[in-house]
Amino acid sequence: MSTRKGIKGEKDIPIFHDEVKKKHTVVLTPTVWEKLKVLSKNKGLSISEFIEQLIRDTPG
Protein backbone atom coordinates (compact mmCIF):
# COMPACT_ATOMS: atom_id res chain seq x y z
CA MET A 1 0.00 0.00 0.00
CA SER A 2 1.45 3.35 -0.98
CA THR A 3 0.78 6.44 1.07
CA ARG A 4 2.09 9.97 0.95
CA LYS A 5 2.77 9.99 4.68
CA GLY A 6 6.01 11.84 5.27
CA ILE A 7 6.33 12.90 1.62
CA LYS A 8 5.83 16.56 0.77
CA GLY A 9 4.19 16.99 -2.61
CA GLU A 10 5.73 19.40 -5.07
CA LYS A 11 4.06 20.73 -8.19
CA ASP A 12 4.94 18.82 -11.37
CA ILE A 13 7.10 16.30 -9.47
CA PRO A 14 5.69 12.74 -9.56
CA ILE A 15 5.74 10.80 -6.27
CA PHE A 16 4.52 7.27 -7.03
CA HIS A 17 4.71 7.04 -10.81
CA ASP A 18 7.10 8.10 -13.56
CA GLU A 19 4.83 10.90 -14.73
CA VAL A 20 2.73 13.67 -13.22
CA LYS A 21 -1.01 13.04 -12.98
CA LYS A 22 -3.28 15.18 -15.13
CA LYS A 23 -6.90 16.02 -14.40
CA HIS A 24 -9.55 14.05 -16.34
CA THR A 25 -13.31 13.73 -15.96
CA VAL A 26 -15.22 10.48 -15.55
CA VAL A 27 -18.99 10.32 -15.12
CA LEU A 28 -20.23 7.55 -12.80
CA THR A 29 -23.47 6.53 -11.17
CA PRO A 30 -23.81 7.29 -7.45
CA THR A 31 -23.71 3.54 -6.71
CA VAL A 32 -20.32 3.09 -8.41
CA TRP A 33 -18.93 6.26 -6.79
CA GLU A 34 -19.89 5.00 -3.32
CA LYS A 35 -18.32 1.60 -4.05
CA LEU A 36 -15.12 3.30 -5.25
CA LYS A 37 -15.01 5.31 -2.02
CA VAL A 38 -15.33 2.16 0.09
CA LEU A 39 -12.81 0.13 -1.93
CA SER A 40 -10.21 2.91 -1.95
CA LYS A 41 -10.67 3.60 1.77
CA ASN A 42 -10.16 -0.10 2.55
CA LYS A 43 -6.83 0.04 0.68
CA GLY A 44 -5.85 3.32 2.34
CA LEU A 45 -5.72 5.14 -1.00
CA SER A 46 -7.42 8.10 -2.62
CA ILE A 47 -9.97 7.21 -5.28
CA SER A 48 -7.59 8.60 -7.89
CA GLU A 49 -4.70 6.43 -6.73
CA PHE A 50 -6.98 3.38 -6.38
CA ILE A 51 -8.08 3.71 -10.02
CA GLU A 52 -4.47 4.36 -11.10
CA GLN A 53 -3.21 1.18 -9.43
CA LEU A 54 -6.18 -0.90 -10.62
CA ILE A 55 -5.55 0.03 -14.25
CA ARG A 56 -1.75 -0.26 -14.03
CA ASP A 57 -2.13 -3.77 -12.57
CA THR A 58 -4.55 -4.87 -15.32
CA PRO A 59 -2.85 -6.53 -18.31
CA GLY A 60 -3.53 -5.14 -21.75
C-alpha atoms as a PDB file:
ATOM      1  CA  MET A   1       0.000   0.000   0.000  1.00  0.00           C
ATOM      2  CA  SER A   2       1.448   3.350  -0.980  1.00  0.00           C
ATOM      3  CA  THR A   3       0.776   6.439   1.067  1.00  0.00           C
ATOM      4  CA  ARG A   4       2.093   9.974   0.951  1.00  0.00           C
ATOM      5  CA  LYS A   5       2.769   9.987   4.680  1.00  0.00           C
ATOM      6  CA  GLY A   6       6.014  11.839   5.269  1.00  0.00           C
ATOM      7  CA  ILE A   7       6.331  12.897   1.621  1.00  0.00           C
ATOM      8  CA  LYS A   8       5.826  16.561   0.769  1.00  0.00           C
ATOM      9  CA  GLY A   9       4.195  16.994  -2.610  1.00  0.00           C
ATOM     10  CA  GLU A  10       5.734  19.405  -5.074  1.00  0.00           C
ATOM     11  CA  LYS A  11       4.055  20.726  -8.193  1.00  0.00           C
ATOM     12  CA  ASP A  12       4.938  18.824 -11.366  1.00  0.00           C
ATOM     13  CA  ILE A  13       7.101  16.299  -9.472  1.00  0.00           C
ATOM     14  CA  PRO A  14       5.691  12.736  -9.557  1.00  0.00           C
ATOM     15  CA  ILE A  15       5.737  10.804  -6.270  1.00  0.00           C
ATOM     16  CA  PHE A  16       4.520   7.273  -7.026  1.00  0.00           C
ATOM     17  CA  HIS A  17       4.706   7.045 -10.810  1.00  0.00           C
ATOM     18  CA  ASP A  18       7.102   8.098 -13.559  1.00  0.00           C
ATOM     19  CA  GLU A  19       4.832  10.903 -14.731  1.00  0.00           C
ATOM     20  CA  VAL A  20       2.727  13.671 -13.215  1.00  0.00           C
ATOM     21  CA  LYS A  21      -1.006  13.045 -12.979  1.00  0.00           C
ATOM     22  CA  LYS A  22      -3.283  15.185 -15.130  1.00  0.00           C
ATOM     23  CA  LYS A  23      -6.904  16.020 -14.402  1.00  0.00           C
ATOM     24  CA  HIS A  24      -9.552  14.050 -16.345  1.00  0.00           C
ATOM     25  CA  THR A  25     -13.310  13.731 -15.963  1.00  0.00           C
ATOM     26  CA  VAL A  26     -15.216  10.476 -15.549  1.00  0.00           C
ATOM     27  CA  VAL A  27     -18.990  10.318 -15.124  1.00  0.00           C
ATOM     28  CA  LEU A  28     -20.231   7.554 -12.803  1.00  0.00           C
ATOM     29  CA  THR A  29     -23.468   6.526 -11.166  1.00  0.00           C
ATOM     30  CA  PRO A  30     -23.811   7.292  -7.447  1.00  0.00           C
ATOM     31  CA  THR A  31     -23.706   3.542  -6.712  1.00  0.00           C
ATOM     32  CA  VAL A  32     -20.318   3.086  -8.406  1.00  0.00           C
ATOM     33  CA  TRP A  33     -18.931   6.258  -6.793  1.00  0.00           C
ATOM     34  CA  GLU A  34     -19.887   4.996  -3.320  1.00  0.00           C
ATOM     35  CA  LYS A  35     -18.324   1.604  -4.047  1.00  0.00           C
ATOM     36  CA  LEU A  36     -15.122   3.304  -5.245  1.00  0.00           C
ATOM     37  CA  LYS A  37     -15.010   5.312  -2.021  1.00  0.00           C
ATOM     38  CA  VAL A  38     -15.327   2.156   0.092  1.00  0.00           C
ATOM     39  CA  LEU A  39     -12.811   0.133  -1.931  1.00  0.00           C
ATOM     40  CA  SER A  40     -10.214   2.905  -1.949  1.00  0.00           C
ATOM     41  CA  LYS A  41     -10.671   3.600   1.773  1.00  0.00           C
ATOM     42  CA  ASN A  42     -10.163  -0.105   2.553  1.00  0.00           C
ATOM     43  CA  LYS A  43      -6.832   0.044   0.684  1.00  0.00           C
ATOM     44  CA  GLY A  44      -5.852   3.323   2.340  1.00  0.00           C
ATOM     45  CA  LEU A  45      -5.725   5.139  -0.999  1.00  0.00           C
ATOM     46  CA  SER A  46      -7.422   8.096  -2.616  1.00  0.00           C
ATOM     47  CA  ILE A  47      -9.969   7.212  -5.279  1.00  0.00           C
ATOM     48  CA  SER A  48      -7.589   8.597  -7.893  1.00  0.00           C
ATOM     49  CA  GLU A  49      -4.696   6.427  -6.728  1.00  0.00           C
ATOM     50  CA  PHE A  50      -6.978   3.379  -6.376  1.00  0.00           C
ATOM     51  CA  ILE A  51      -8.075   3.707 -10.018  1.00  0.00           C
ATOM     52  CA  GLU A  52      -4.473   4.355 -11.103  1.00  0.00           C
ATOM     53  CA  GLN A  53      -3.209   1.180  -9.428  1.00  0.00           C
ATOM     54  CA  LEU A  54      -6.178  -0.898 -10.623  1.00  0.00           C
ATOM     55  CA  ILE A  55      -5.548   0.030 -14.253  1.00  0.00           C
ATOM     56  CA  ARG A  56      -1.752  -0.262 -14.033  1.00  0.00           C
ATOM     57  CA  ASP A  57      -2.125  -3.774 -12.569  1.00  0.00           C
ATOM     58  CA  THR A  58      -4.549  -4.869 -15.321  1.00  0.00           C
ATOM     59  CA  PRO A  59      -2.852  -6.533 -18.309  1.00  0.00           C
ATOM     60  CA  GLY A  60      -3.530  -5.142 -21.746  1.00  0.00           C
END
